[in-house]
Amino acid sequence: MLTARKKANVIKTVARHTTDTGSAGVQVAILTERIEELTKHLKKNRKDFHSRRGLLQMVADRRSHLSYLERNDKRNYDAVVKKLGLKK
């Protein structure tokens, strides 16, 4: 589960300014953190298919946010992918 403190740290690493909490880059960072935590959970609980479905939805959502960023703000896209260590 993503606590408020973890979420604030994630936002701080990617935010463009102090009040940036909902831009596409910040949303990608938050989704990435949630995906990592859920992946750890699913490694322990292999039969948890409801959580697996949620994971797939989060991955698709992150992918759409990344494609939006790539289309509209290539510099920010490159910076976010580099900061988060994504392969795309």
PDB file of N, CA and C in Angstrom:
ATOM      1  N   MET A   1       0.840  -1.181   0.000  1.00  0.00           N
ATOM      2  CA  MET A   1       0.000   0.000   0.000  1.00  0.00           C
ATOM      3  C   MET A   1       0.882   1.240   0.000  1.00  0.00           C
ATOM      4  N   LEU A   2       0.520   2.198  -0.788  1.00  0.00           N
ATOM      5  CA  LEU A   2       1.285   3.427  -0.931  1.00  0.00           C
ATOM      6  C   LEU A   2       0.861   4.417   0.156  1.00  0.00           C
ATOM      7  N   THR A   3       1.747   4.652   1.109  1.00  0.00           N
ATOM      8  CA  THR A   3       1.432   5.576   2.193  1.00  0.00           C
ATOM      9  C   THR A   3       1.578   7.015   1.721  1.00  0.00           C
ATOM     10  N   ALA A   4       1.051   7.931   2.501  1.00  0.00           N
ATOM     11  CA  ALA A   4       1.102   9.350   2.137  1.00  0.00           C
ATOM     12  C   ALA A   4       2.542   9.844   2.073  1.00  0.00           C
ATOM     13  N   ARG A   5       3.377   9.362   2.955  1.00  0.00           N
ATOM     14  CA  ARG A   5       4.781   9.783   2.969  1.00  0.00           C
ATOM     15  C   ARG A   5       5.515   9.286   1.729  1.00  0.00           C
ATOM     16  N   LYS A   6       5.301   8.015   1.360  1.00  0.00           N
ATOM     17  CA  LYS A   6       5.929   7.477   0.156  1.00  0.00           C
ATOM     18  C   LYS A   6       5.448   8.225  -1.082  1.00  0.00           C
ATOM     19  N   LYS A   7       4.150   8.496  -1.110  1.00  0.00           N
ATOM     20  CA  LYS A   7       3.568   9.189  -2.253  1.00  0.00           C
ATOM     21  C   LYS A   7       4.152  10.593  -2.388  1.00  0.00           C
ATOM     22  N   ALA A   8       4.325  11.291  -1.258  1.00  0.00           N
ATOM     23  CA  ALA A   8       4.909  12.638  -1.288  1.00  0.00           C
ATOM     24  C   ALA A   8       6.348  12.591  -1.802  1.00  0.00           C
ATOM     25  N   ASN A   9       7.108  11.566  -1.402  1.00  0.00           N
ATOM     26  CA  ASN A   9       8.485  11.431  -1.885  1.00  0.00           C
ATOM     27  C   ASN A   9       8.526  11.152  -3.377  1.00  0.00           C
ATOM     28  N   VAL A  10       7.619  10.315  -3.854  1.00  0.00           N
ATOM     29  CA  VAL A  10       7.557  10.009  -5.283  1.00  0.00           C
ATOM     30  C   VAL A  10       7.207  11.260  -6.072  1.00  0.00           C
ATOM     31  N   ILE A  11       6.234  12.012  -5.581  1.00  0.00           N
ATOM     32  CA  ILE A  11       5.823  13.242  -6.263  1.00  0.00           C
ATOM     33  C   ILE A  11       6.971  14.240  -6.298  1.00  0.00           C
ATOM     34  N   LYS A  12       7.704  14.329  -5.196  1.00  0.00           N
ATOM     35  CA  LYS A  12       8.801  15.290  -5.103  1.00  0.00           C
ATOM     36  C   LYS A  12       9.899  15.000  -6.125  1.00  0.00           C
ATOM     37  N   THR A  13      10.127  13.730  -6.447  1.00  0.00           N
ATOM     38  CA  THR A  13      11.201  13.387  -7.383  1.00  0.00           C
ATOM     39  C   THR A  13      10.877  13.766  -8.818  1.00  0.00           C
ATOM     40  N   VAL A  14       9.583  13.807  -9.169  1.00  0.00           N
ATOM     41  CA  VAL A  14       9.207  14.011 -10.569  1.00  0.00           C
ATOM     42  C   VAL A  14       8.511  15.342 -10.826  1.00  0.00           C
ATOM     43  N   ALA A  15       7.991  15.978  -9.786  1.00  0.00           N
ATOM     44  CA  ALA A  15       7.181  17.192  -9.949  1.00  0.00           C
ATOM     45  C   ALA A  15       7.977  18.306 -10.634  1.00  0.00           C
ATOM     46  N   ARG A  16       7.285  19.072 -11.446  1.00  0.00           N
ATOM     47  CA  ARG A  16       7.912  20.182 -12.159  1.00  0.00           C
ATOM     48  C   ARG A  16       7.989  21.432 -11.293  1.00  0.00           C
ATOM     49  N   HIS A  17       7.040  21.603 -10.367  1.00  0.00           N
ATOM     50  CA  HIS A  17       7.039  22.732  -9.443  1.00  0.00           C
ATOM     51  C   HIS A  17       6.420  22.261  -8.134  1.00  0.00           C
ATOM     52  N   THR A  18       6.365  23.112  -7.146  1.00  0.00           N
ATOM     53  CA  THR A  18       5.975  22.691  -5.796  1.00  0.00           C
ATOM     54  C   THR A  18       4.530  22.220  -5.688  1.00  0.00           C
ATOM     55  N   THR A  19       3.637  22.759  -6.494  1.00  0.00           N
ATOM     56  CA  THR A  19       2.232  22.375  -6.384  1.00  0.00           C
ATOM     57  C   THR A  19       1.808  21.369  -7.452  1.00  0.00           C
ATOM     58  N   ASP A  20       2.759  20.774  -8.141  1.00  0.00           N
ATOM     59  CA  ASP A  20       2.465  19.807  -9.199  1.00  0.00           C
ATOM     60  C   ASP A  20       2.139  18.449  -8.582  1.00  0.00           C
ATOM     61  N   THR A  21       0.861  18.082  -8.598  1.00  0.00           N
ATOM     62  CA  THR A  21       0.470  16.792  -8.041  1.00  0.00           C
ATOM     63  C   THR A  21      -0.305  15.934  -9.023  1.00  0.00           C
ATOM     64  N   GLY A  22      -0.636  16.448 -10.192  1.00  0.00           N
ATOM     65  CA  GLY A  22      -1.480  15.684 -11.093  1.00  0.00           C
ATOM     66  C   GLY A  22      -1.029  15.644 -12.536  1.00  0.00           C
ATOM     67  N   SER A  23       0.156  16.127 -12.832  1.00  0.00           N
ATOM     68  CA  SER A  23       0.611  16.099 -14.219  1.00  0.00           C
ATOM     69  C   SER A  23       0.857  14.654 -14.643  1.00  0.00           C
ATOM     70  N   ALA A  24       0.987  14.451 -15.928  1.00  0.00           N
ATOM     71  CA  ALA A  24       1.155  13.093 -16.448  1.00  0.00           C
ATOM     72  C   ALA A  24       2.422  12.433 -15.900  1.00  0.00           C
ATOM     73  N   GLY A  25       3.493  13.203 -15.754  1.00  0.00           N
ATOM     74  CA  GLY A  25       4.731  12.643 -15.218  1.00  0.00           C
ATOM     75  C   GLY A  25       4.575  12.170 -13.781  1.00  0.00           C
ATOM     76  N   VAL A  26       3.869  12.949 -12.976  1.00  0.00           N
ATOM     77  CA  VAL A  26       3.632  12.575 -11.575  1.00  0.00           C
ATOM     78  C   VAL A  26       2.735  11.347 -11.513  1.00  0.00           C
ATOM     79  N   GLN A  27       1.728  11.285 -12.362  1.00  0.00           N
ATOM     80  CA  GLN A  27       0.848  10.128 -12.370  1.00  0.00           C
ATOM     81  C   GLN A  27       1.594   8.865 -12.774  1.00  0.00           C
ATOM     82  N   VAL A  28       2.507   8.986 -13.726  1.00  0.00           N
ATOM     83  CA  VAL A  28       3.315   7.842 -14.135  1.00  0.00           C
ATOM     84  C   VAL A  28       4.183   7.371 -12.966  1.00  0.00           C
ATOM     85  N   ALA A  29       4.771   8.305 -12.237  1.00  0.00           N
ATOM     86  CA  ALA A  29       5.617   7.944 -11.106  1.00  0.00           C
ATOM     87  C   ALA A  29       4.818   7.236 -10.011  1.00  0.00           C
ATOM     88  N   ILE A  30       3.636   7.739  -9.704  1.00  0.00           N
ATOM     89  CA  ILE A  30       2.797   7.110  -8.681  1.00  0.00           C
ATOM     90  C   ILE A  30       2.359   5.718  -9.129  1.00  0.00           C
ATOM     91  N   LEU A  31       1.948   5.599 -10.381  1.00  0.00           N
ATOM     92  CA  LEU A  31       1.552   4.292 -10.896  1.00  0.00           C
ATOM     93  C   LEU A  31       2.719   3.311 -10.871  1.00  0.00           C
ATOM     94  N   THR A  32       3.909   3.784 -11.184  1.00  0.00           N
ATOM     95  CA  THR A  32       5.085   2.917 -11.167  1.00  0.00           C
ATOM     96  C   THR A  32       5.343   2.388  -9.762  1.00  0.00           C
ATOM     97  N   GLU A  33       5.224   3.239  -8.773  1.00  0.00           N
ATOM     98  CA  GLU A  33       5.430   2.806  -7.383  1.00  0.00           C
ATOM     99  C   GLU A  33       4.372   1.780  -6.970  1.00  0.00           C
ATOM    100  N   ARG A  34       3.122   2.028  -7.330  1.00  0.00           N
ATOM    101  CA  ARG A  34       2.049   1.084  -6.998  1.00  0.00           C
ATOM    102  C   ARG A  34       2.238  -0.238  -7.720  1.00  0.00           C
ATOM    103  N   ILE A  35       2.700  -0.196  -8.967  1.00  0.00           N
ATOM    104  CA  ILE A  35       2.944  -1.412  -9.745  1.00  0.00           C
ATOM    105  C   ILE A  35       4.042  -2.241  -9.092  1.00  0.00           C
ATOM    106  N   GLU A  36       5.110  -1.584  -8.647  1.00  0.00           N
ATOM    107  CA  GLU A  36       6.201  -2.304  -7.995  1.00  0.00           C
ATOM    108  C   GLU A  36       5.733  -2.990  -6.717  1.00  0.00           C
ATOM    109  N   GLU A  37       4.923  -2.286  -5.922  1.00  0.00           N
ATOM    110  CA  GLU A  37       4.430  -2.876  -4.679  1.00  0.00           C
ATOM    111  C   GLU A  37       3.490  -4.050  -4.957  1.00  0.00           C
ATOM    112  N   LEU A  38       2.621  -3.904  -5.941  1.00  0.00           N
ATOM    113  CA  LEU A  38       1.685  -4.979  -6.252  1.00  0.00           C
ATOM    114  C   LEU A  38       2.404  -6.181  -6.864  1.00  0.00           C
ATOM    115  N   THR A  39       3.473  -5.933  -7.588  1.00  0.00           N
ATOM    116  CA  THR A  39       4.263  -7.028  -8.143  1.00  0.00           C
ATOM    117  C   THR A  39       4.883  -7.856  -7.029  1.00  0.00           C
ATOM    118  N   LYS A  40       5.399  -7.190  -5.996  1.00  0.00           N
ATOM    119  CA  LYS A  40       5.940  -7.913  -4.839  1.00  0.00           C
ATOM    120  C   LYS A  40       4.857  -8.758  -4.178  1.00  0.00           C
ATOM    121  N   HIS A  41       3.665  -8.190  -4.037  1.00  0.00           N
ATOM    122  CA  HIS A  41       2.547  -8.913  -3.429  1.00  0.00           C
ATOM    123  C   HIS A  41       2.201 -10.155  -4.246  1.00  0.00           C
ATOM    124  N   LEU A  42       2.182 -10.015  -5.573  1.00  0.00           N
ATOM    125  CA  LEU A  42       1.781 -11.133  -6.423  1.00  0.00           C
ATOM    126  C   LEU A  42       2.846 -12.218  -6.492  1.00  0.00           C
ATOM    127  N   LYS A  43       4.086 -11.880  -6.207  1.00  0.00           N
ATOM    128  CA  LYS A  43       5.113 -12.917  -6.145  1.00  0.00           C
ATOM    129  C   LYS A  43       4.882 -13.834  -4.950  1.00  0.00           C
ATOM    130  N   LYS A  44       4.362 -13.273  -3.866  1.00  0.00           N
ATOM    131  CA  LYS A  44       4.069 -14.069  -2.676  1.00  0.00           C
ATOM    132  C   LYS A  44       2.728 -14.782  -2.803  1.00  0.00           C
ATOM    133  N   ASN A  45       1.747 -14.128  -3.423  1.00  0.00           N
ATOM    134  CA  ASN A  45       0.384 -14.643  -3.513  1.00  0.00           C
ATOM    135  C   ASN A  45       0.035 -14.898  -4.977  1.00  0.00           C
ATOM    136  N   ARG A  46       0.485 -16.011  -5.482  1.00  0.00           N
ATOM    137  CA  ARG A  46       0.353 -16.296  -6.911  1.00  0.00           C
ATOM    138  C   ARG A  46      -1.087 -16.470  -7.378  1.00  0.00           C
ATOM    139  N   LYS A  47      -1.984 -16.857  -6.503  1.00  0.00           N
ATOM    140  CA  LYS A  47      -3.352 -17.129  -6.918  1.00  0.00           C
ATOM    141  C   LYS A  47      -4.295 -15.936  -6.740  1.00  0.00           C
ATOM    142  N   ASP A  48      -3.768 -14.782  -6.443  1.00  0.00           N
ATOM    143  CA  ASP A  48      -4.580 -13.592  -6.236  1.00  0.00           C
ATOM    144  C   ASP A  48      -4.903 -12.947  -7.584  1.00  0.00           C
ATOM    145  N   PHE A  49      -5.915 -13.479  -8.241  1.00  0.00           N
ATOM    146  CA  PHE A  49      -6.224 -13.048  -9.600  1.00  0.00           C
ATOM    147  C   PHE A  49      -6.929 -11.694  -9.640  1.00  0.00           C
ATOM    148  N   HIS A  50      -7.603 -11.325  -8.581  1.00  0.00           N
ATOM    149  CA  HIS A  50      -8.250 -10.011  -8.542  1.00  0.00           C
ATOM    150  C   HIS A  50      -7.199  -8.898  -8.517  1.00  0.00           C
ATOM    151  N   SER A  51      -6.161  -9.091  -7.744  1.00  0.00           N
ATOM    152  CA  SER A  51      -5.087  -8.095  -7.708  1.00  0.00           C
ATOM    153  C   SER A  51      -4.316  -8.082  -9.017  1.00  0.00           C
ATOM    154  N   ARG A  52      -4.187  -9.248  -9.637  1.00  0.00           N
ATOM    155  CA  ARG A  52      -3.493  -9.317 -10.925  1.00  0.00           C
ATOM    156  C   ARG A  52      -4.239  -8.494 -11.973  1.00  0.00           C
ATOM    157  N   ARG A  53      -5.567  -8.542 -11.933  1.00  0.00           N
ATOM    158  CA  ARG A  53      -6.370  -7.750 -12.868  1.00  0.00           C
ATOM    159  C   ARG A  53      -6.143  -6.255 -12.629  1.00  0.00           C
ATOM    160  N   GLY A  54      -6.087  -5.864 -11.363  1.00  0.00           N
ATOM    161  CA  GLY A  54      -5.797  -4.472 -11.041  1.00  0.00           C
ATOM    162  C   GLY A  54      -4.429  -4.048 -11.518  1.00  0.00           C
ATOM    163  N   LEU A  55      -3.463  -4.957 -11.391  1.00  0.00           N
ATOM    164  CA  LEU A  55      -2.107  -4.672 -11.860  1.00  0.00           C
ATOM    165  C   LEU A  55      -2.101  -4.423 -13.366  1.00  0.00           C
ATOM    166  N   LEU A  56      -2.800  -5.259 -14.096  1.00  0.00           N
ATOM    167  CA  LEU A  56      -2.853  -5.093 -15.553  1.00  0.00           C
ATOM    168  C   LEU A  56      -3.516  -3.770 -15.938  1.00  0.00           C
ATOM    169  N   GLN A  57      -4.518  -3.365 -15.189  1.00  0.00           N
ATOM    170  CA  GLN A  57      -5.164  -2.079 -15.455  1.00  0.00           C
ATOM    171  C   GLN A  57      -4.206  -0.917 -15.182  1.00  0.00           C
ATOM    172  N   MET A  58      -3.423  -1.027 -14.102  1.00  0.00           N
ATOM    173  CA  MET A  58      -2.462   0.033 -13.785  1.00  0.00           C
ATOM    174  C   MET A  58      -1.375   0.123 -14.845  1.00  0.00           C
ATOM    175  N   VAL A  59      -0.914  -1.021 -15.326  1.00  0.00           N
ATOM    176  CA  VAL A  59       0.118  -1.027 -16.372  1.00  0.00           C
ATOM    177  C   VAL A  59      -0.415  -0.372 -17.644  1.00  0.00           C
ATOM    178  N   ALA A  60      -1.653  -0.684 -18.009  1.00  0.00           N
ATOM    179  CA  ALA A  60      -2.254  -0.078 -19.200  1.00  0.00           C
ATOM    180  C   ALA A  60      -2.428   1.425 -19.014  1.00  0.00           C
ATOM    181  N   ASP A  61      -2.828   1.841 -17.824  1.00  0.00           N
ATOM    182  CA  ASP A  61      -3.007   3.263 -17.538  1.00  0.00           C
ATOM    183  C   ASP A  61      -1.669   3.997 -17.616  1.00  0.00           C
ATOM    184  N   ARG A  62      -0.628   3.398 -17.048  1.00  0.00           N
ATOM    185  CA  ARG A  62       0.704   4.016 -17.106  1.00  0.00           C
ATOM    186  C   ARG A  62       1.179   4.120 -18.544  1.00  0.00           C
ATOM    187  N   ARG A  63       0.893   3.090 -19.323  1.00  0.00           N
ATOM    188  CA  ARG A  63       1.309   3.101 -20.721  1.00  0.00           C
ATOM    189  C   ARG A  63       0.630   4.225 -21.495  1.00  0.00           C
ATOM    190  N   SER A  64      -0.662   4.443 -21.223  1.00  0.00           N
ATOM    191  CA  SER A  64      -1.364   5.515 -21.927  1.00  0.00           C
ATOM    192  C   SER A  64      -0.854   6.882 -21.492  1.00  0.00           C
ATOM    193  N   HIS A  65      -0.532   7.047 -20.200  1.00  0.00           N
ATOM    194  CA  HIS A  65       0.046   8.309 -19.742  1.00  0.00           C
ATOM    195  C   HIS A  65       1.409   8.549 -20.387  1.00  0.00           C
ATOM    196  N   LEU A  66       2.206   7.493 -20.512  1.00  0.00           N
ATOM    197  CA  LEU A  66       3.523   7.631 -21.137  1.00  0.00           C
ATOM    198  C   LEU A  66       3.405   7.985 -22.616  1.00  0.00           C
ATOM    199  N   SER A  67       2.452   7.388 -23.313  1.00  0.00           N
ATOM    200  CA  SER A  67       2.304   7.715 -24.727  1.00  0.00           C
ATOM    201  C   SER A  67       1.818   9.152 -24.899  1.00  0.00           C
ATOM    202  N   TYR A  68       0.958   9.623 -23.984  1.00  0.00           N
ATOM    203  CA  TYR A  68       0.527  11.016 -24.005  1.00  0.00           C
ATOM    204  C   TYR A  68       1.726  11.944 -23.811  1.00  0.00           C
ATOM    205  N   LEU A  69       2.556  11.617 -22.820  1.00  0.00           N
ATOM    206  CA  LEU A  69       3.742  12.443 -22.571  1.00  0.00           C
ATOM    207  C   LEU A  69       4.674  12.451 -23.771  1.00  0.00           C
ATOM    208  N   GLU A  70       4.854  11.296 -24.384  1.00  0.00           N
ATOM    209  CA  GLU A  70       5.760  11.207 -25.526  1.00  0.00           C
ATOM    210  C   GLU A  70       5.255  12.050 -26.695  1.00  0.00           C
ATOM    211  N   ARG A  71       3.947  12.061 -26.898  1.00  0.00           N
ATOM    212  CA  ARG A  71       3.375  12.861 -27.993  1.00  0.00           C
ATOM    213  C   ARG A  71       3.478  14.354 -27.730  1.00  0.00           C
ATOM    214  N   ASN A  72       3.219  14.786 -26.495  1.00  0.00           N
ATOM    215  CA  ASN A  72       3.046  16.211 -26.218  1.00  0.00           C
ATOM    216  C   ASN A  72       4.257  16.904 -25.593  1.00  0.00           C
ATOM    217  N   ASP A  73       5.098  16.168 -24.882  1.00  0.00           N
ATOM    218  CA  ASP A  73       6.225  16.803 -24.200  1.00  0.00           C
ATOM    219  C   ASP A  73       7.390  15.824 -24.150  1.00  0.00           C
ATOM    220  N   LYS A  74       8.124  15.744 -25.248  1.00  0.00           N
ATOM    221  CA  LYS A  74       9.186  14.743 -25.392  1.00  0.00           C
ATOM    222  C   LYS A  74      10.283  14.914 -24.339  1.00  0.00           C
ATOM    223  N   ARG A  75      10.635  16.145 -24.002  1.00  0.00           N
ATOM    224  CA  ARG A  75      11.691  16.363 -22.995  1.00  0.00           C
ATOM    225  C   ARG A  75      11.278  15.830 -21.632  1.00  0.00           C
ATOM    226  N   ASN A  76      10.068  16.141 -21.230  1.00  0.00           N
ATOM    227  CA  ASN A  76       9.564  15.666 -19.945  1.00  0.00           C
ATOM    228  C   ASN A  76       9.439  14.143 -19.957  1.00  0.00           C
ATOM    229  N   TYR A  77       9.022  13.580 -21.080  1.00  0.00           N
ATOM    230  CA  TYR A  77       8.927  12.122 -21.226  1.00  0.00           C
ATOM    231  C   TYR A  77      10.289  11.476 -20.994  1.00  0.00           C
ATOM    232  N   ASP A  78      11.316  12.003 -21.666  1.00  0.00           N
ATOM    233  CA  ASP A  78      12.657  11.446 -21.507  1.00  0.00           C
ATOM    234  C   ASP A  78      13.144  11.562 -20.062  1.00  0.00           C
ATOM    235  N   ALA A  79      12.853  12.699 -19.424  1.00  0.00           N
ATOM    236  CA  ALA A  79      13.274  12.902 -18.039  1.00  0.00           C
ATOM    237  C   ALA A  79      12.576  11.934 -17.089  1.00  0.00           C
ATOM    238  N   VAL A  80      11.280  11.743 -17.279  1.00  0.00           N
ATOM    239  CA  VAL A  80      10.507  10.845 -16.406  1.00  0.00           C
ATOM    240  C   VAL A  80      10.972   9.398 -16.577  1.00  0.00           C
ATOM    241  N   VAL A  81      11.167   8.972 -17.812  1.00  0.00           N
ATOM    242  CA  VAL A  81      11.605   7.594 -18.068  1.00  0.00           C
ATOM    243  C   VAL A  81      12.988   7.375 -17.457  1.00  0.00           C
ATOM    244  N   LYS A  82      13.857   8.350 -17.559  1.00  0.00           N
ATOM    245  CA  LYS A  82      15.197   8.220 -16.997  1.00  0.00           C
ATOM    246  C   LYS A  82      15.157   8.177 -15.459  1.00  0.00           C
ATOM    247  N   LYS A  83      14.365   9.069 -14.845  1.00  0.00           N
ATOM    248  CA  LYS A  83      14.276   9.099 -13.381  1.00  0.00           C
ATOM    249  C   LYS A  83      13.705   7.819 -12.806  1.00  0.00           C
ATOM    250  N   LEU A  84      12.705   7.264 -13.497  1.00  0.00           N
ATOM    251  CA  LEU A  84      12.019   6.079 -12.975  1.00  0.00           C
ATOM    252  C   LEU A  84      12.685   4.776 -13.405  1.00  0.00           C
ATOM    253  N   GLY A  85      13.585   4.856 -14.357  1.00  0.00           N
ATOM    254  CA  GLY A  85      14.281   3.661 -14.814  1.00  0.00           C
ATOM    255  C   GLY A  85      13.402   2.730 -15.617  1.00  0.00           C
ATOM    256  N   LEU A  86      12.507   3.296 -16.413  1.00  0.00           N
ATOM    257  CA  LEU A  86      11.633   2.493 -17.251  1.00  0.00           C
ATOM    258  C   LEU A  86      12.347   2.132 -18.545  1.00  0.00           C
ATOM    259  N   LYS A  87      11.952   1.048 -19.159  1.00  0.00           N
ATOM    260  CA  LYS A  87      12.644   0.557 -20.347  1.00  0.00           C
ATOM    261  C   LYS A  87      12.231   1.252 -21.628  1.00  0.00           C
ATOM    262  N   LYS A  88      11.044   1.818 -21.646  1.00  0.00           N
ATOM    263  CA  LYS A  88      10.497   2.342 -22.889  1.00  0.00           C
ATOM    264  C   LYS A  88      11.324   3.369 -23.525  1.00  0.00           C
TER     265      LYS A  88
END
